[in-house]
Amino acid sequence: MPSPAPSTTSNTSSEPHIPAQNTPRPTGTEQSGSGRRDPWLVAAVLFVGYAVISVGRYRHLGQRSWDLGIFEQVIRSYAHLQAPVADLKAPGFNILGDHFSPVTALLAPLYRAFPSPVTLLVAQAALFALSAVPVTRAAARLLGRSRGLAIGVAYGLSWGLQQAVDFDFHEICFAVPLIAFSLEALLARHWRAALLWALPLVLVKEDLGITLTAIALVVALRARQAGSQRAARYAIGVAVLGVVAVAVTLLVVIPSFNSAGTYDYWNKVDDSGGGGPFDGLDTKLRTLGWLLIPTTGLLALRSPILLVALPTLGWRFVSSYSEYWGTDWHYSAVLMPVVALALVDALDSARRSPRAWLRSYVHHLPAAVAAASLALTTSLPLSALTEGEIYRKPTRVSAIERLLAAVPDGASVEANIAPISRLTSRCRVFWITNTRGINPDFIALDNSRKRYRDVEDYAKALHPDVRYSVVGTAYGVVLLKRQTGQGQ
């Protein structure tokens, strides 16, 4: 990696940079043609790595939840111009009554051309990788090319993104680049662009309207400091819009699509269930440590951009659902562009500090966070790129796929996690025990842990009025078929 330019060097950026009133600000090194390509090269390399890990997990039948199946059912419905039904949640369940994420309809044309869960995983990898472009570009513009590359690498390898790539598919893959582009525009003092990039967050997920509000408030603060009172007023209006959008979505839109007429996740913010800010405090403090220390060396605390992380951390930490508190799954992905660009902002201001120790710390920090991200990657999902196994499909998976291929297209299937991803692109799939009186054509069970002693007896308990018999097994996965002439 090239050595960082000395902090006392004054250069010009390839893009116009508007200084704060009466305060000249140093900018990054002048960007050559190759420098302007750097963010896209970083994104391209990350895309390949993300896609290999994500598709590799799929090829190994490594799904850990039903989320990939649910999203495929939803996007498949959109692709055929139908209501976004997720039968895995419940037969005929409209997903807009669960989470408000109409943005996933954007993948419908791509899915129509390539109807496979792999399409969703590759699209997610592309969106996550795309978010590295504004992060790297903003860092290079303000700090110089070498530091920009270091920050881009540190961001692309950040633990929050790696955990999200390793966890099936989720709608937050749209939020990550939107937040990154919005905060890049904020750092460039392009107030309107910052707000416009953030506005679509209300279509990604219901809680992200509050993130929109947080971004708008930071825009208002920065615009007012720069003397743009008009931009500050517009930003305050957008902040109010974000709050209104959340209220309308949670109290009106989602309940109108929900069969129970409510928002199902209120019960996960419930003190009686063991929640509250001090429950699981050790886990929450570890999460904060992971967010701030290896990714920013604590310097991000000097930037008001870090306030954008508070809405997401807030609902997670007050929830009674302990899975929200830690660093697993996909929950921290939306925080990664926030902490990365808060670091860029803090580096830009702190390098002009009168304190020599702080200037020295700032001088070395971009390389340090890049090194930390590389070191941590040895124990994170991208480390699998160095292992040959990720590039091979196991014999076990091929045998299971051959077994499930016996299910004809258009059939109805009741299944648990392992078989779901091999069926949702061509069958109507229900979650095991939740068919709501429907007797499916097939039952596909992963019984590799011997949970069910007699699968036919278990099928009889699920559907007393019909009979199912085993038609095949493969490495613990059992396929049962409803007997001919039995009730629907």
Protein backbone atom coordinates (compact mmCIF):
# COMPACT_ATOMS: atom_id res chain seq x y z
CA MET A 1 0.00 0.00 0.00
CA PRO A 2 1.44 3.46 -0.87
CA SER A 3 2.58 5.52 2.08
CA PRO A 4 0.04 8.14 3.19
CA ALA A 5 0.82 11.69 2.07
CA PRO A 6 2.05 13.96 4.88
CA SER A 7 -0.81 15.74 6.59
CA THR A 8 0.79 19.13 6.02
CA THR A 9 0.66 18.83 2.24
CA SER A 10 -1.94 21.00 0.51
CA ASN A 11 -3.29 19.67 -2.76
CA THR A 12 -6.29 20.17 -4.97
CA SER A 13 -9.04 17.68 -5.54
CA SER A 14 -10.31 16.61 -8.93
CA GLU A 15 -13.77 17.78 -7.83
CA PRO A 16 -14.62 21.28 -6.65
CA HIS A 17 -14.66 21.44 -2.87
CA ILE A 18 -16.65 24.20 -1.15
CA PRO A 19 -14.88 25.33 2.04
CA ALA A 20 -16.66 26.38 5.20
CA GLN A 21 -17.00 30.11 5.63
CA ASN A 22 -13.71 31.82 6.47
CA THR A 23 -12.00 28.45 7.01
CA PRO A 24 -9.77 27.11 4.23
CA ARG A 25 -9.77 23.34 4.17
CA PRO A 26 -7.08 21.11 2.73
CA THR A 27 -8.31 18.57 0.23
CA GLY A 28 -7.06 15.22 -0.98
CA THR A 29 -4.48 14.64 -3.65
CA GLU A 30 -5.36 15.41 -7.24
CA GLN A 31 -7.05 12.40 -8.75
CA SER A 32 -5.64 11.06 -11.99
CA GLY A 33 -7.67 8.93 -14.34
CA SER A 34 -6.49 5.79 -12.53
CA GLY A 35 -7.36 7.42 -9.20
CA ARG A 36 -10.92 8.00 -10.33
CA ARG A 37 -11.14 4.32 -11.22
CA ASP A 38 -9.94 3.19 -7.80
CA PRO A 39 -13.38 3.12 -6.13
CA TRP A 40 -14.82 1.03 -8.94
CA LEU A 41 -11.88 -1.39 -8.87
CA VAL A 42 -12.35 -1.81 -5.13
CA ALA A 43 -16.06 -2.45 -5.68
CA ALA A 44 -15.37 -4.97 -8.47
CA VAL A 45 -12.99 -7.00 -6.31
CA LEU A 46 -15.42 -6.90 -3.39
CA PHE A 47 -18.28 -8.01 -5.63
CA VAL A 48 -16.37 -11.10 -6.70
CA GLY A 49 -15.52 -11.96 -3.10
CA TYR A 50 -19.01 -11.32 -1.79
CA ALA A 51 -20.63 -13.31 -4.61
CA VAL A 52 -18.31 -16.30 -4.16
CA ILE A 53 -19.04 -16.46 -0.43
CA SER A 54 -22.78 -15.98 -0.79
CA VAL A 55 -23.28 -18.37 -3.71
CA GLY A 56 -20.82 -20.80 -2.14
CA ARG A 57 -22.95 -20.98 0.99
CA TYR A 58 -25.98 -21.68 -1.20
CA ARG A 59 -24.11 -24.39 -3.12
CA HIS A 60 -23.26 -26.01 0.22
CA LEU A 61 -26.90 -25.89 1.32
CA GLY A 62 -25.77 -23.64 4.16
CA GLN A 63 -28.86 -21.46 4.62
CA ARG A 64 -29.47 -20.73 8.31
CA SER A 65 -33.01 -19.38 8.08
CA TRP A 66 -36.05 -19.21 5.86
CA ASP A 67 -35.31 -15.62 4.77
CA LEU A 68 -33.92 -16.47 1.34
CA GLY A 69 -37.02 -18.54 0.60
CA ILE A 70 -39.37 -15.80 1.80
CA PHE A 71 -37.71 -13.12 -0.32
CA GLU A 72 -37.65 -15.38 -3.35
CA GLN A 73 -41.38 -16.01 -3.00
CA VAL A 74 -42.00 -12.26 -2.74
CA ILE A 75 -39.81 -11.30 -5.69
CA ARG A 76 -41.19 -14.18 -7.74
CA SER A 77 -44.67 -12.77 -7.13
CA TYR A 78 -43.56 -9.30 -8.22
CA ALA A 79 -41.91 -10.79 -11.30
CA HIS A 80 -45.27 -12.25 -12.35
CA LEU A 81 -47.13 -9.00 -11.56
CA GLN A 82 -48.85 -10.50 -8.54
CA ALA A 83 -49.29 -9.36 -4.94
CA PRO A 84 -46.11 -10.05 -2.90
CA VAL A 85 -47.23 -13.26 -1.22
CA ALA A 86 -44.89 -15.27 1.03
CA ASP A 87 -46.51 -18.64 1.67
CA LEU A 88 -43.68 -19.53 4.02
CA LYS A 89 -45.02 -16.94 6.48
CA ALA A 90 -48.53 -18.36 6.04
CA PRO A 91 -50.58 -19.43 3.02
CA GLY A 92 -51.44 -16.33 1.01
CA PHE A 93 -49.60 -14.00 3.41
CA ASN A 94 -48.95 -10.55 1.91
CA ILE A 95 -45.42 -9.59 2.94
CA LEU A 96 -46.36 -5.91 3.17
CA GLY A 97 -48.21 -6.92 6.33
CA ASP A 98 -44.91 -8.07 7.84
CA HIS A 99 -42.22 -5.58 6.76
CA PHE A 100 -42.69 -2.64 4.42
CA SER A 101 -40.02 -3.28 1.78
CA PRO A 102 -41.54 -2.56 -1.66
CA VAL A 103 -38.02 -1.75 -2.91
CA THR A 104 -37.46 -5.48 -3.49
CA ALA A 105 -39.75 -5.19 -6.53
CA LEU A 106 -36.76 -3.64 -8.33
CA LEU A 107 -35.27 -7.12 -8.59
CA ALA A 108 -38.35 -8.53 -10.30
CA PRO A 109 -37.17 -7.99 -13.92
CA LEU A 110 -33.80 -9.57 -13.15
CA TYR A 111 -35.50 -12.49 -11.40
CA ARG A 112 -37.92 -12.94 -14.30
CA ALA A 113 -34.93 -13.38 -16.61
CA PHE A 114 -33.00 -15.59 -14.17
CA PRO A 115 -35.50 -17.29 -11.82
CA SER A 116 -33.25 -18.61 -9.08
CA PRO A 117 -32.33 -17.75 -5.49
CA VAL A 118 -28.79 -17.26 -6.80
CA THR A 119 -30.08 -14.17 -8.62
CA LEU A 120 -30.99 -12.60 -5.29
CA LEU A 121 -27.63 -13.48 -3.75
CA VAL A 122 -25.64 -12.06 -6.67
CA ALA A 123 -27.76 -8.88 -6.70
CA GLN A 124 -27.14 -8.46 -2.97
CA ALA A 125 -23.40 -8.90 -3.48
CA ALA A 126 -23.48 -6.23 -6.19
CA LEU A 127 -25.37 -3.75 -4.01
CA PHE A 128 -23.06 -4.23 -1.05
CA ALA A 129 -20.01 -3.87 -3.31
CA LEU A 130 -21.48 -0.75 -4.93
CA SER A 131 -21.58 0.95 -1.53
CA ALA A 132 -17.77 0.88 -1.45
CA VAL A 133 -17.68 3.36 -4.36
CA PRO A 134 -18.97 6.42 -2.45
CA VAL A 135 -17.02 5.47 0.68
CA THR A 136 -13.71 5.14 -1.19
CA ARG A 137 -14.41 8.18 -3.35
CA ALA A 138 -15.27 10.44 -0.42
CA ALA A 139 -12.18 9.32 1.49
CA ALA A 140 -9.90 9.88 -1.51
CA ARG A 141 -11.37 13.32 -2.21
CA LEU A 142 -10.86 14.54 1.35
CA LEU A 143 -7.78 12.60 2.44
CA GLY A 144 -5.87 11.63 -0.68
CA ARG A 145 -5.69 8.60 -2.91
CA SER A 146 -3.69 6.25 -0.68
CA ARG A 147 -5.78 6.99 2.40
CA GLY A 148 -8.93 6.68 0.30
CA LEU A 149 -7.91 3.21 -0.82
CA ALA A 150 -7.11 2.23 2.76
CA ILE A 151 -10.52 3.37 3.98
CA GLY A 152 -12.22 1.65 1.03
CA VAL A 153 -10.49 -1.64 1.82
CA ALA A 154 -11.29 -1.33 5.52
CA TYR A 155 -14.94 -0.66 4.70
CA GLY A 156 -15.29 -3.47 2.17
CA LEU A 157 -13.82 -5.96 4.63
CA SER A 158 -15.77 -4.63 7.61
CA TRP A 159 -17.30 -7.31 9.80
CA GLY A 160 -20.85 -5.98 9.41
CA LEU A 161 -20.80 -6.38 5.64
CA GLN A 162 -19.14 -9.79 5.80
CA GLN A 163 -21.74 -11.09 8.25
CA ALA A 164 -24.56 -9.81 6.03
CA VAL A 165 -23.08 -11.41 2.91
CA ASP A 166 -22.87 -14.68 4.81
CA PHE A 167 -26.54 -14.56 5.82
CA ASP A 168 -28.84 -15.39 2.92
CA PHE A 169 -30.61 -12.35 1.41
CA HIS A 170 -32.16 -9.31 3.07
CA GLU A 171 -33.75 -6.06 1.94
CA ILE A 172 -31.14 -4.00 3.77
CA CYS A 173 -28.80 -4.60 0.82
CA PHE A 174 -30.63 -1.64 -0.79
CA ALA A 175 -30.20 0.58 2.27
CA VAL A 176 -26.42 0.22 2.49
CA PRO A 177 -25.56 1.94 -0.83
CA LEU A 178 -28.30 4.55 -0.35
CA ILE A 179 -26.82 5.57 3.00
CA ALA A 180 -23.29 5.54 1.58
CA PHE A 181 -24.16 7.78 -1.40
CA SER A 182 -26.17 10.10 0.85
CA LEU A 183 -23.33 10.58 3.32
CA GLU A 184 -20.80 11.04 0.51
CA ALA A 185 -22.94 13.90 -0.81
CA LEU A 186 -23.19 15.31 2.72
CA LEU A 187 -19.40 15.38 3.06
CA ALA A 188 -19.18 17.15 -0.31
CA ARG A 189 -21.79 19.69 0.91
CA HIS A 190 -24.19 18.69 -1.83
CA TRP A 191 -27.20 19.07 0.44
CA ARG A 192 -29.92 18.29 -2.08
CA ALA A 193 -28.19 15.13 -3.29
CA ALA A 194 -27.69 13.97 0.29
CA LEU A 195 -31.42 14.25 0.96
CA LEU A 196 -32.47 12.71 -2.35
CA TRP A 197 -30.24 9.67 -1.83
CA ALA A 198 -31.70 9.16 1.65
CA LEU A 199 -35.38 9.58 0.78
CA PRO A 200 -35.85 6.06 -0.73
CA LEU A 201 -34.91 4.54 2.64
CA VAL A 202 -38.60 4.72 3.61
CA LEU A 203 -39.27 2.11 0.89
CA VAL A 204 -36.56 -0.27 2.12
CA LYS A 205 -37.83 -1.04 5.61
CA GLU A 206 -40.20 0.58 8.05
CA ASP A 207 -37.59 1.56 10.67
CA LEU A 208 -35.32 3.32 8.18
CA GLY A 209 -37.55 6.39 8.10
CA ILE A 210 -35.93 7.34 11.41
CA THR A 211 -32.51 6.89 9.79
CA LEU A 212 -33.71 9.28 7.09
CA THR A 213 -34.61 11.74 9.84
CA ALA A 214 -31.17 11.40 11.41
CA ILE A 215 -29.43 12.01 8.08
CA ALA A 216 -31.64 15.03 7.39
CA LEU A 217 -30.86 16.52 10.81
CA VAL A 218 -27.12 16.17 10.22
CA VAL A 219 -27.58 17.79 6.79
CA ALA A 220 -29.47 20.64 8.47
CA LEU A 221 -26.65 21.08 10.99
CA ARG A 222 -23.90 21.10 8.38
CA ALA A 223 -25.87 23.32 5.97
CA ARG A 224 -26.49 25.88 8.71
CA GLN A 225 -22.80 25.86 9.65
CA ALA A 226 -21.95 26.46 5.98
CA GLY A 227 -24.36 29.40 5.85
CA SER A 228 -27.01 27.70 3.70
CA GLN A 229 -30.15 28.45 5.69
CA ARG A 230 -32.44 27.46 2.84
CA ALA A 231 -30.89 23.98 2.59
CA ALA A 232 -31.17 23.65 6.37
CA ARG A 233 -34.91 24.40 6.22
CA TYR A 234 -35.43 21.80 3.49
CA ALA A 235 -33.51 19.26 5.56
CA ILE A 236 -35.71 19.90 8.59
CA GLY A 237 -38.74 19.27 6.39
CA VAL A 238 -37.27 15.95 5.25
CA ALA A 239 -36.56 15.04 8.88
CA VAL A 240 -40.23 15.58 9.71
CA LEU A 241 -41.21 13.55 6.65
CA GLY A 242 -39.14 10.62 7.91
CA VAL A 243 -40.97 10.57 11.24
CA VAL A 244 -44.36 10.83 9.53
CA ALA A 245 -43.45 8.02 7.12
CA VAL A 246 -42.57 5.70 9.99
CA ALA A 247 -45.77 6.50 11.86
CA VAL A 248 -47.99 5.98 8.82
CA THR A 249 -46.20 2.77 7.87
CA LEU A 250 -46.36 1.19 11.33
CA LEU A 251 -49.85 2.35 12.28
CA VAL A 252 -51.68 2.28 8.95
CA VAL A 253 -49.92 0.63 6.01
CA ILE A 254 -48.58 -2.58 7.56
CA PRO A 255 -51.72 -3.25 9.68
CA SER A 256 -53.88 -2.85 6.57
CA PHE A 257 -52.04 -5.75 4.90
CA ASN A 258 -51.74 -7.83 8.08
CA SER A 259 -54.53 -10.35 8.73
CA ALA A 260 -54.42 -9.52 12.45
CA GLY A 261 -54.61 -5.79 11.73
CA THR A 262 -51.43 -4.97 13.62
CA TYR A 263 -47.63 -4.77 13.36
CA ASP A 264 -46.28 -8.13 14.48
CA TYR A 265 -42.96 -6.85 15.82
CA TRP A 266 -44.25 -4.63 18.61
CA ASN A 267 -43.82 -7.62 20.91
CA LYS A 268 -40.06 -7.52 20.33
CA VAL A 269 -39.85 -4.14 22.04
CA ASP A 270 -41.40 -5.20 25.31
CA ASP A 271 -39.83 -4.86 28.76
CA SER A 272 -41.90 -7.75 30.08
CA GLY A 273 -40.09 -9.99 27.64
CA GLY A 274 -36.70 -9.16 29.09
CA GLY A 275 -35.75 -6.14 27.03
CA GLY A 276 -34.65 -2.68 28.05
CA PRO A 277 -31.36 -0.83 27.61
CA PHE A 278 -29.55 -2.59 30.48
CA ASP A 279 -30.52 -6.16 29.65
CA GLY A 280 -27.65 -7.95 27.92
CA LEU A 281 -25.45 -4.94 28.56
CA ASP A 282 -22.25 -6.94 28.11
CA THR A 283 -23.33 -8.03 24.63
CA LYS A 284 -24.37 -4.50 23.68
CA LEU A 285 -21.09 -3.02 24.87
CA ARG A 286 -19.18 -5.59 22.83
CA THR A 287 -21.22 -4.62 19.78
CA LEU A 288 -20.36 -0.95 20.35
CA GLY A 289 -16.72 -1.91 20.70
CA TRP A 290 -16.77 -3.77 17.41
CA LEU A 291 -18.46 -0.80 15.74
CA LEU A 292 -16.02 1.83 16.92
CA ILE A 293 -12.61 0.30 17.64
CA PRO A 294 -11.44 -1.89 14.72
CA THR A 295 -13.38 0.14 12.14
CA THR A 296 -12.55 3.69 13.28
CA GLY A 297 -10.07 3.59 16.15
CA LEU A 298 -12.71 5.52 18.14
CA LEU A 299 -12.07 8.62 16.02
CA ALA A 300 -15.58 8.47 14.49
CA LEU A 301 -16.86 9.73 17.84
CA ARG A 302 -15.62 13.17 16.75
CA SER A 303 -18.07 13.33 13.82
CA PRO A 304 -21.79 14.20 14.01
CA ILE A 305 -22.31 11.72 11.15
CA LEU A 306 -22.12 8.98 13.78
CA LEU A 307 -25.52 10.19 15.02
CA VAL A 308 -27.02 8.48 11.95
CA ALA A 309 -26.26 5.13 13.62
CA LEU A 310 -28.38 5.91 16.68
CA PRO A 311 -31.84 4.95 15.32
CA THR A 312 -30.68 1.45 14.32
CA LEU A 313 -28.75 0.92 17.54
CA GLY A 314 -31.67 2.31 19.51
CA TRP A 315 -34.35 -0.10 18.35
CA ARG A 316 -31.94 -3.02 18.53
CA PHE A 317 -30.77 -2.32 22.06
CA VAL A 318 -34.21 -1.65 23.57
CA SER A 319 -35.63 -4.79 22.01
CA SER A 320 -36.39 -7.84 24.11
CA TYR A 321 -35.09 -10.02 21.26
CA SER A 322 -31.50 -10.87 22.16
CA GLU A 323 -30.53 -11.71 18.57
CA TYR A 324 -30.68 -7.98 17.80
CA TRP A 325 -28.03 -7.07 20.37
CA GLY A 326 -24.93 -8.75 19.01
CA THR A 327 -22.75 -8.77 15.90
CA ASP A 328 -24.24 -11.78 14.12
CA TRP A 329 -26.55 -11.93 11.10
CA HIS A 330 -27.19 -8.88 8.90
CA TYR A 331 -28.31 -6.31 11.47
CA SER A 332 -25.13 -4.21 11.49
CA ALA A 333 -24.67 -3.86 7.72
CA VAL A 334 -26.49 -0.50 7.56
CA LEU A 335 -24.12 0.85 10.23
CA MET A 336 -20.95 0.15 8.24
CA PRO A 337 -21.18 3.10 5.79
CA VAL A 338 -22.12 5.35 8.71
CA VAL A 339 -19.04 4.54 10.81
CA ALA A 340 -16.75 4.54 7.76
CA LEU A 341 -17.82 7.98 6.57
CA ALA A 342 -17.93 9.33 10.12
CA LEU A 343 -14.27 8.26 10.29
CA VAL A 344 -13.53 10.08 7.01
CA ASP A 345 -15.19 13.22 8.36
CA ALA A 346 -13.30 13.00 11.64
CA LEU A 347 -9.98 12.40 9.88
CA ASP A 348 -10.54 15.41 7.67
CA SER A 349 -11.12 17.74 10.61
CA ALA A 350 -8.71 16.21 13.13
CA ARG A 351 -5.67 16.38 10.87
CA ARG A 352 -5.73 20.16 11.35
CA SER A 353 -5.73 19.86 15.13
CA PRO A 354 -3.15 21.92 17.06
CA ARG A 355 -2.34 18.79 19.08
CA ALA A 356 0.63 16.96 17.58
CA TRP A 357 -0.33 13.55 18.98
CA LEU A 358 -3.75 13.76 17.32
CA ARG A 359 -2.25 14.74 13.96
CA SER A 360 0.13 11.80 14.23
CA TYR A 361 -2.73 9.44 15.13
CA VAL A 362 -4.76 10.69 12.15
CA HIS A 363 -1.75 10.28 9.87
CA HIS A 364 -1.46 6.56 10.64
CA LEU A 365 -5.10 5.62 11.30
CA PRO A 366 -6.29 4.85 7.71
CA ALA A 367 -3.54 2.26 7.26
CA ALA A 368 -4.23 0.92 10.75
CA VAL A 369 -7.95 0.32 10.18
CA ALA A 370 -7.17 -1.30 6.82
CA ALA A 371 -4.66 -3.60 8.52
CA ALA A 372 -7.16 -4.39 11.28
CA SER A 373 -9.84 -5.32 8.77
CA LEU A 374 -7.43 -7.59 6.91
CA ALA A 375 -6.35 -9.26 10.14
CA LEU A 376 -9.93 -9.77 11.34
CA THR A 377 -10.92 -11.23 7.98
CA THR A 378 -8.95 -14.36 8.83
CA SER A 379 -11.80 -15.24 11.22
CA LEU A 380 -14.66 -13.81 9.15
CA PRO A 381 -16.60 -15.24 6.18
CA LEU A 382 -14.31 -13.91 3.43
CA SER A 383 -11.51 -16.09 4.79
CA ALA A 384 -13.26 -18.98 3.03
CA LEU A 385 -12.02 -17.55 -0.29
CA THR A 386 -8.65 -19.14 0.45
CA GLU A 387 -10.21 -22.58 0.97
CA GLY A 388 -10.85 -24.88 -1.96
CA GLU A 389 -14.04 -26.25 -0.46
CA ILE A 390 -16.01 -23.06 -1.14
CA TYR A 391 -15.59 -23.60 -4.91
CA ARG A 392 -16.89 -27.18 -4.91
CA LYS A 393 -20.42 -28.48 -4.55
CA PRO A 394 -20.46 -31.35 -2.02
CA THR A 395 -21.66 -34.77 -3.10
CA ARG A 396 -24.23 -34.56 -0.32
CA VAL A 397 -25.84 -31.49 -1.87
CA SER A 398 -25.96 -33.02 -5.35
CA ALA A 399 -27.75 -36.06 -3.95
CA ILE A 400 -30.29 -33.90 -2.08
CA GLU A 401 -30.93 -31.84 -5.23
CA ARG A 402 -31.58 -35.01 -7.23
CA LEU A 403 -34.06 -36.13 -4.61
CA LEU A 404 -35.93 -32.82 -4.61
CA ALA A 405 -35.95 -32.75 -8.42
CA ALA A 406 -38.60 -35.47 -8.16
CA VAL A 407 -41.03 -32.78 -7.01
CA PRO A 408 -42.77 -31.50 -10.16
CA ASP A 409 -42.96 -27.81 -10.99
CA GLY A 410 -46.01 -26.12 -9.50
CA ALA A 411 -46.47 -28.69 -6.74
CA SER A 412 -47.20 -27.64 -3.17
CA VAL A 413 -44.54 -28.60 -0.61
CA GLU A 414 -44.29 -28.33 3.16
CA ALA A 415 -40.65 -28.02 4.18
CA ASN A 416 -38.13 -26.98 6.80
CA ILE A 417 -35.02 -24.90 6.19
CA ALA A 418 -32.67 -27.08 4.14
CA PRO A 419 -35.02 -28.01 1.24
CA ILE A 420 -36.65 -24.57 0.93
CA SER A 421 -34.04 -22.87 -1.26
CA ARG A 422 -34.21 -25.68 -3.84
CA LEU A 423 -37.98 -25.44 -4.23
CA THR A 424 -39.21 -21.85 -3.96
CA SER A 425 -38.31 -20.92 -7.55
CA ARG A 426 -40.73 -23.49 -8.99
CA CYS A 427 -43.13 -24.73 -6.29
CA ARG A 428 -45.54 -23.36 -3.74
CA VAL A 429 -43.67 -23.88 -0.47
CA PHE A 430 -45.10 -23.74 3.06
CA TRP A 431 -43.26 -23.74 6.37
CA ILE A 432 -43.52 -27.00 8.27
CA THR A 433 -46.52 -27.02 10.68
CA ASN A 434 -47.96 -23.83 9.13
CA THR A 435 -50.04 -24.88 6.14
CA ARG A 436 -53.28 -23.65 7.77
CA GLY A 437 -55.34 -26.68 6.77
CA ILE A 438 -53.82 -27.19 3.32
CA ASN A 439 -52.64 -30.74 2.63
CA PRO A 440 -49.60 -30.23 0.36
CA ASP A 441 -48.59 -32.59 -2.41
CA PHE A 442 -45.22 -33.26 -0.78
CA ILE A 443 -43.41 -32.88 2.53
CA ALA A 444 -39.63 -32.32 2.44
CA LEU A 445 -37.86 -32.65 5.77
CA ASP A 446 -34.24 -32.27 6.78
CA ASN A 447 -34.04 -35.04 9.38
CA SER A 448 -30.25 -35.26 9.46
CA ARG A 449 -30.26 -34.69 13.23
CA LYS A 450 -32.86 -37.46 13.76
CA ARG A 451 -35.41 -35.06 15.20
CA TYR A 452 -38.28 -37.13 13.83
CA ARG A 453 -38.14 -40.81 14.75
CA ASP A 454 -40.80 -41.83 12.24
CA VAL A 455 -41.36 -39.25 9.50
CA GLU A 456 -44.55 -40.91 8.25
CA ASP A 457 -46.06 -40.77 11.74
CA TYR A 458 -45.00 -37.14 11.96
CA ALA A 459 -46.68 -36.41 8.64
CA LYS A 460 -49.82 -38.15 9.94
CA ALA A 461 -49.78 -35.91 13.02
CA LEU A 462 -49.52 -32.85 10.80
CA HIS A 463 -52.28 -33.98 8.42
CA PRO A 464 -54.57 -36.55 10.09
CA ASP A 465 -56.98 -36.75 7.15
CA VAL A 466 -54.46 -37.85 4.53
CA ARG A 467 -51.60 -40.27 4.23
CA TYR A 468 -48.02 -39.54 3.17
CA SER A 469 -45.41 -42.12 2.28
CA VAL A 470 -41.66 -41.80 1.85
CA VAL A 471 -40.56 -41.68 -1.77
CA GLY A 472 -36.86 -41.12 -1.17
CA THR A 473 -34.11 -40.03 1.20
CA ALA A 474 -30.70 -38.43 0.73
CA TYR A 475 -28.22 -37.57 3.48
CA GLY A 476 -30.92 -37.08 6.08
CA VAL A 477 -33.39 -35.23 3.83
CA VAL A 478 -36.65 -37.15 3.46
CA LEU A 479 -39.24 -36.61 0.73
CA LEU A 480 -42.81 -37.76 1.35
CA LYS A 481 -45.67 -37.76 -1.15
CA ARG A 482 -49.39 -37.54 -0.51
CA GLN A 483 -51.14 -40.70 -1.56
CA THR A 484 -53.19 -40.53 -4.76
CA GLY A 485 -56.85 -39.72 -4.16
CA GLN A 486 -56.23 -38.21 -0.71
CA GLY A 487 -57.83 -34.84 0.19
CA GLN A 488 -56.39 -31.50 -0.88
